[in-house]
N, C-alpha and C. Protein backbone atom coordinates (compact mmCIF):
# COMPACT_ATOMS: atom_id res chain seq x y z
N MET A 1 0.78 -1.18 0.11
CA MET A 1 0.08 -0.05 0.02
C MET A 1 0.97 1.28 -0.11
N ASP A 2 0.56 1.98 -1.09
CA ASP A 2 1.27 3.38 -1.12
C ASP A 2 0.89 4.47 0.05
N LYS A 3 1.88 5.18 0.57
CA LYS A 3 1.51 6.32 1.37
C LYS A 3 1.49 7.59 0.55
N LYS A 4 0.16 8.13 0.61
CA LYS A 4 0.02 9.30 -0.13
C LYS A 4 0.04 10.59 0.96
N LYS A 5 0.56 11.56 0.22
CA LYS A 5 0.64 12.90 1.16
C LYS A 5 -0.76 13.35 1.47
N VAL A 6 -0.74 13.87 2.70
CA VAL A 6 -2.18 14.55 3.07
C VAL A 6 -2.32 15.85 2.89
N MET A 7 -3.34 16.14 2.21
CA MET A 7 -3.65 17.49 2.02
C MET A 7 -4.24 18.35 3.22
N GLY A 8 -3.84 19.44 3.76
CA GLY A 8 -4.46 20.23 4.80
C GLY A 8 -3.39 20.25 5.97
N HIS A 9 -4.13 20.09 6.95
CA HIS A 9 -3.23 20.49 8.44
C HIS A 9 -4.09 19.50 9.36
N ASN A 10 -3.24 19.21 10.42
CA ASN A 10 -3.83 18.62 11.51
C ASN A 10 -4.21 19.47 12.81
N PRO A 11 -5.51 19.90 12.99
CA PRO A 11 -5.99 20.97 13.89
C PRO A 11 -5.61 20.42 15.36
N LEU A 12 -5.38 19.30 15.60
CA LEU A 12 -5.05 18.79 17.07
C LEU A 12 -3.48 19.13 17.35
N GLY A 13 -2.65 19.27 16.23
CA GLY A 13 -1.20 19.44 16.42
C GLY A 13 -0.93 20.97 16.69
N MET A 14 -1.99 21.95 16.47
CA MET A 14 -1.70 23.34 16.71
C MET A 14 -2.49 23.76 17.83
N ASN A 15 -1.90 24.78 18.66
CA ASN A 15 -2.67 25.50 19.73
C ASN A 15 -3.11 26.99 19.12
N HIS A 16 -4.17 27.18 18.81
CA HIS A 16 -4.56 28.43 18.35
C HIS A 16 -4.76 29.41 19.33
N LEU A 17 -4.96 28.98 20.59
CA LEU A 17 -5.53 29.81 21.78
C LEU A 17 -4.01 30.42 22.30
N ALA A 18 -2.82 29.95 21.94
CA ALA A 18 -1.61 30.21 22.70
C ALA A 18 -1.44 31.79 22.64
N ASP A 19 -1.76 32.39 21.67
CA ASP A 19 -1.46 33.81 21.43
C ASP A 19 -2.72 34.66 21.84
N ALA A 20 -3.67 34.04 22.15
CA ALA A 20 -5.10 34.62 22.19
C ALA A 20 -5.05 35.72 23.46
N LYS A 21 -5.74 36.87 23.26
CA LYS A 21 -5.80 38.01 24.31
C LYS A 21 -7.31 37.89 24.59
N PHE A 22 -7.61 38.04 25.85
CA PHE A 22 -9.05 38.05 26.35
C PHE A 22 -9.14 39.44 26.97
N LYS A 23 -8.54 40.51 26.55
CA LYS A 23 -8.80 41.67 27.28
C LYS A 23 -10.29 42.28 27.29
N PHE A 24 -11.10 41.70 26.69
CA PHE A 24 -12.43 42.16 26.28
C PHE A 24 -13.33 41.68 27.46
N ILE A 25 -12.78 40.81 28.37
CA ILE A 25 -13.51 40.20 29.41
C ILE A 25 -13.08 41.12 30.62
N PRO A 26 -14.22 41.67 31.41
CA PRO A 26 -13.77 42.63 32.56
C PRO A 26 -13.36 41.83 33.73
N PHE A 27 -12.45 42.53 34.47
CA PHE A 27 -12.01 41.88 35.71
C PHE A 27 -13.13 42.17 36.74
N THR A 28 -13.60 41.13 37.56
CA THR A 28 -14.59 41.34 38.47
C THR A 28 -14.09 40.86 39.75
N GLU A 29 -14.57 41.59 40.79
CA GLU A 29 -14.17 41.37 42.37
C GLU A 29 -14.34 39.78 42.65
N SER A 30 -15.42 39.25 42.35
CA SER A 30 -15.76 38.15 42.74
C SER A 30 -15.14 36.91 41.82
N GLY A 31 -14.39 37.35 40.89
CA GLY A 31 -13.55 36.33 40.02
C GLY A 31 -12.65 35.48 40.45
N SER A 32 -12.38 34.34 39.86
CA SER A 32 -11.40 33.40 40.41
C SER A 32 -10.04 34.01 40.86
N ALA A 33 -9.63 34.90 40.22
CA ALA A 33 -8.35 35.47 40.64
C ALA A 33 -8.38 36.13 42.06
N GLN A 34 -9.49 36.81 42.25
CA GLN A 34 -9.87 37.35 43.68
C GLN A 34 -9.93 36.18 44.71
N GLN A 35 -10.61 35.11 44.31
CA GLN A 35 -10.68 34.22 45.49
C GLN A 35 -9.31 33.47 45.59
N GLU A 36 -8.51 33.29 44.77
CA GLU A 36 -7.25 32.74 44.81
C GLU A 36 -6.40 33.43 45.66
N SER A 37 -6.60 34.66 45.62
CA SER A 37 -5.51 35.67 46.31
C SER A 37 -6.06 35.65 47.80
N GLU A 38 -7.30 35.44 48.29
CA GLU A 38 -7.82 35.66 49.55
C GLU A 38 -8.29 34.14 49.94
N PRO A 39 -7.35 33.29 50.15
CA PRO A 39 -7.84 31.82 50.54
C PRO A 39 -8.29 31.77 51.95
N ASP A 40 -7.89 32.58 52.83
CA ASP A 40 -7.99 32.25 54.37
C ASP A 40 -9.43 33.21 54.58
N LYS A 41 -10.03 33.99 53.74
CA LYS A 41 -11.30 34.64 54.03
C LYS A 41 -12.53 33.69 53.98
N LYS A 42 -13.19 33.43 55.00
CA LYS A 42 -14.33 32.52 54.98
C LYS A 42 -15.65 33.20 54.52
N ARG A 43 -16.22 32.37 53.92
CA ARG A 43 -17.74 33.12 53.45
C ARG A 43 -18.72 32.48 54.57
N LYS A 44 -19.59 33.29 54.79
CA LYS A 44 -20.77 33.05 55.49
C LYS A 44 -21.86 32.28 54.80
N LYS A 45 -22.33 31.17 55.34
CA LYS A 45 -23.46 30.23 54.72
C LYS A 45 -24.67 31.12 54.55
N LYS A 46 -25.28 31.06 53.26
CA LYS A 46 -26.31 31.61 52.86
C LYS A 46 -27.39 30.63 52.42
N ARG A 47 -28.53 31.00 52.68
CA ARG A 47 -29.81 30.16 52.19
C ARG A 47 -30.70 31.17 51.48
N VAL A 48 -31.57 30.39 50.64
CA VAL A 48 -32.67 31.27 49.84
C VAL A 48 -33.74 31.16 50.60
N VAL A 49 -34.36 32.41 50.77
CA VAL A 49 -35.59 32.67 51.54
C VAL A 49 -36.62 33.50 50.79
N SER A 50 -37.81 33.15 50.82
CA SER A 50 -38.84 33.87 49.98
C SER A 50 -39.87 34.61 50.97
N TYR A 51 -39.93 35.75 50.43
CA TYR A 51 -40.96 36.61 51.21
C TYR A 51 -41.98 37.30 50.16
N TYR A 52 -43.36 37.43 50.46
CA TYR A 52 -44.13 38.23 49.70
C TYR A 52 -44.10 39.73 50.18
N LEU A 53 -43.65 40.40 49.26
CA LEU A 53 -43.65 41.90 49.47
C LEU A 53 -44.38 42.64 48.40
N GLU A 54 -44.95 43.88 48.80
CA GLU A 54 -45.71 44.60 47.93
C GLU A 54 -44.86 45.22 46.87
N GLU A 55 -45.42 45.20 45.70
CA GLU A 55 -44.71 45.53 44.31
C GLU A 55 -43.93 46.98 44.48
N GLU A 56 -44.50 47.77 45.17
CA GLU A 56 -44.06 49.18 45.36
C GLU A 56 -43.03 49.14 46.23
N LEU A 57 -42.98 48.30 47.27
CA LEU A 57 -41.73 48.14 48.27
C LEU A 57 -40.63 47.73 47.61
N ILE A 58 -40.73 46.51 46.48
CA ILE A 58 -39.82 46.02 45.92
C ILE A 58 -39.24 47.00 45.06
N SER A 59 -40.10 48.00 44.27
CA SER A 59 -39.34 48.71 43.46
C SER A 59 -38.51 49.89 44.17
N LYS A 60 -38.82 50.19 45.41
CA LYS A 60 -38.11 51.11 46.20
C LYS A 60 -36.79 50.51 46.59
N ILE A 61 -36.80 49.36 46.93
CA ILE A 61 -35.68 48.66 47.48
C ILE A 61 -34.73 48.54 46.41
N ARG A 62 -35.11 48.19 45.14
CA ARG A 62 -34.32 48.04 43.89
C ARG A 62 -33.60 49.40 43.59
N ASP A 63 -34.57 50.61 43.67
CA ASP A 63 -33.92 52.00 43.44
C ASP A 63 -32.81 52.23 44.43
N LYS A 64 -33.04 51.97 45.75
CA LYS A 64 -32.20 52.31 46.80
C LYS A 64 -30.87 51.61 46.59
N ALA A 65 -30.96 50.32 46.26
CA ALA A 65 -29.72 49.38 45.90
C ALA A 65 -28.95 49.78 44.79
N THR A 66 -29.63 50.42 43.80
CA THR A 66 -28.87 50.93 42.56
C THR A 66 -28.27 52.35 42.85
N GLU A 67 -28.94 53.06 43.76
CA GLU A 67 -28.41 54.35 44.27
C GLU A 67 -26.93 54.02 44.96
N ASN A 68 -27.08 53.01 45.67
CA ASN A 68 -25.79 52.73 46.57
C ASN A 68 -24.93 51.79 45.93
N SER A 69 -25.04 51.37 44.49
CA SER A 69 -24.32 50.68 43.93
C SER A 69 -24.08 49.19 44.43
N GLU A 70 -25.06 48.83 44.73
CA GLU A 70 -25.32 47.33 45.51
C GLU A 70 -26.19 46.44 44.99
N THR A 71 -26.12 45.34 45.00
CA THR A 71 -27.06 44.46 44.46
C THR A 71 -28.29 44.40 45.26
N TYR A 72 -29.37 43.96 44.59
CA TYR A 72 -30.57 43.80 45.60
C TYR A 72 -30.51 43.08 46.88
N SER A 73 -30.05 41.80 46.66
CA SER A 73 -29.79 40.96 47.73
C SER A 73 -28.89 41.50 48.72
N GLY A 74 -27.76 42.04 48.30
CA GLY A 74 -26.81 42.68 49.27
C GLY A 74 -27.49 43.85 50.21
N PHE A 75 -28.18 44.71 49.36
CA PHE A 75 -28.85 45.90 50.16
C PHE A 75 -29.94 45.27 51.17
N VAL A 76 -30.69 44.30 50.63
CA VAL A 76 -31.68 43.74 51.71
C VAL A 76 -30.95 43.07 52.93
N SER A 77 -29.89 42.41 52.68
CA SER A 77 -29.18 41.80 53.98
C SER A 77 -28.55 42.81 54.71
N ARG A 78 -27.98 43.71 54.09
CA ARG A 78 -27.29 44.92 55.00
C ARG A 78 -28.53 45.68 55.67
N THR A 79 -29.78 46.02 55.04
CA THR A 79 -30.88 46.65 55.86
C THR A 79 -31.28 45.84 56.99
N LEU A 80 -31.47 44.58 56.71
CA LEU A 80 -32.02 43.64 57.89
C LEU A 80 -31.11 43.70 58.85
N LYS A 81 -29.75 43.40 58.67
CA LYS A 81 -28.82 43.25 59.68
C LYS A 81 -28.79 44.64 60.53
N LYS A 82 -28.83 45.65 59.91
CA LYS A 82 -29.05 47.03 60.56
C LYS A 82 -30.20 47.08 61.48
N ALA A 83 -31.28 46.70 60.84
CA ALA A 83 -32.49 46.70 61.74
C ALA A 83 -32.58 45.78 63.04
N ILE A 84 -31.98 44.78 62.82
CA ILE A 84 -31.88 43.78 63.93
C ILE A 84 -30.89 44.09 64.94
N LYS A 85 -29.95 44.88 64.72
CA LYS A 85 -28.91 45.35 65.53
C LYS A 85 -29.55 46.21 66.35
N ASP A 86 -30.34 47.21 65.81
CA ASP A 86 -30.80 48.32 66.70
C ASP A 86 -31.81 47.81 67.75
């Protein structure tokens, strides 16, 4: 049996991502790089809880969270902790 030359290339033999740049992906505080740099910082356990709230109250909470550059969940947690502490 004669060996014939193969036309084309072997895609498994080349690493096309070796020189790739991913600068379009923004750095986030909660990204894996942040978690690796702070291994001894322990996270508190969290659970999902559901409450029935009036739609107007939910809108106000979302607006306040946005004003403070916080997530909805983070704002609600901080507000409840403050209310319980007093």
